[in-house]
Amino acid sequence: MRDEHLRDQYLESKKFPTAILNIENIVKVKGEERKTLPKLENGKSGYVDAEGLLKLHGVEKRVIMK
């Protein structure tokens, strides 16, 4: 019921079927306390703090994801 309300009443997912997140900057790699960020490697997972632009429900907003 919660998911249905979120999709239909708040996000209006039929009217706005896509959400886009463009990550523009990696701020911090979790567990790394160095001043320069290490290179992220293809195929390996990790946790990062990132800045970017979120387009959702017809609105664009700058966000920081932690």
Protein backbone atom coordinates (compact mmCIF):
# COMPACT_ATOMS: atom_id res chain seq x y z
CA MET A 1 0.00 0.00 0.00
CA ARG A 2 2.85 2.39 0.90
CA ASP A 3 4.62 1.85 -2.45
CA GLU A 4 1.38 2.33 -4.38
CA HIS A 5 0.67 5.63 -2.61
CA LEU A 6 4.21 6.83 -3.24
CA ARG A 7 4.05 5.99 -6.97
CA ASP A 8 0.51 7.19 -7.64
CA GLN A 9 -0.07 10.12 -5.28
CA TYR A 10 3.35 11.69 -4.78
CA LEU A 11 5.70 10.77 -7.62
CA GLU A 12 2.94 10.45 -10.24
CA SER A 13 5.03 7.79 -11.97
CA LYS A 14 2.58 7.40 -14.87
CA LYS A 15 2.97 11.10 -15.73
CA PHE A 16 6.74 11.20 -14.90
CA PRO A 17 8.01 7.66 -15.64
CA THR A 18 11.74 8.38 -15.35
CA ALA A 19 14.12 9.74 -12.76
CA ILE A 20 17.66 10.72 -13.76
CA LEU A 21 20.65 11.12 -11.48
CA ASN A 22 23.79 12.62 -13.05
CA ILE A 23 26.75 12.23 -10.69
CA GLU A 24 29.14 15.11 -11.30
CA ASN A 25 31.67 14.79 -8.51
CA ILE A 26 32.89 12.11 -6.11
CA VAL A 27 33.47 13.90 -2.81
CA LYS A 28 34.75 11.08 -0.64
CA VAL A 29 35.44 7.36 -0.89
CA LYS A 30 34.28 5.68 2.33
CA GLY A 31 37.13 4.47 4.48
CA GLU A 32 39.65 6.73 2.75
CA GLU A 33 40.90 9.73 4.69
CA ARG A 34 43.46 10.90 2.11
CA LYS A 35 43.40 14.36 0.53
CA THR A 36 43.41 12.92 -3.00
CA LEU A 37 40.79 10.37 -3.96
CA PRO A 38 41.96 6.93 -5.08
CA LYS A 39 41.03 5.77 -8.56
CA LEU A 40 37.83 3.75 -8.66
CA GLU A 41 38.28 0.48 -10.55
CA ASN A 42 35.82 -1.07 -13.01
CA GLY A 43 34.05 -4.11 -11.66
CA LYS A 44 34.80 -3.31 -8.01
CA SER A 45 32.23 -2.00 -5.58
CA GLY A 46 32.68 0.73 -3.04
CA TYR A 47 30.84 3.41 -1.11
CA VAL A 48 31.19 7.08 -1.97
CA ASP A 49 29.73 10.48 -1.16
CA ALA A 50 28.78 12.17 -4.43
CA GLU A 51 27.34 15.44 -5.73
CA GLY A 52 25.05 15.61 -8.72
CA LEU A 53 21.83 16.69 -10.37
CA LEU A 54 18.62 14.76 -9.69
CA LYS A 55 15.72 15.09 -12.13
CA LEU A 56 12.56 13.71 -10.51
CA HIS A 57 8.87 14.49 -10.94
CA GLY A 58 9.62 17.23 -13.47
CA VAL A 59 12.00 19.06 -11.12
CA GLU A 60 15.81 19.35 -11.20
CA LYS A 61 17.71 19.73 -7.93
CA ARG A 62 21.35 19.61 -6.86
CA VAL A 63 21.89 16.88 -4.29
CA ILE A 64 24.65 15.36 -2.17
CA MET A 65 24.34 11.61 -1.68
CA LYS A 66 26.03 10.03 1.32
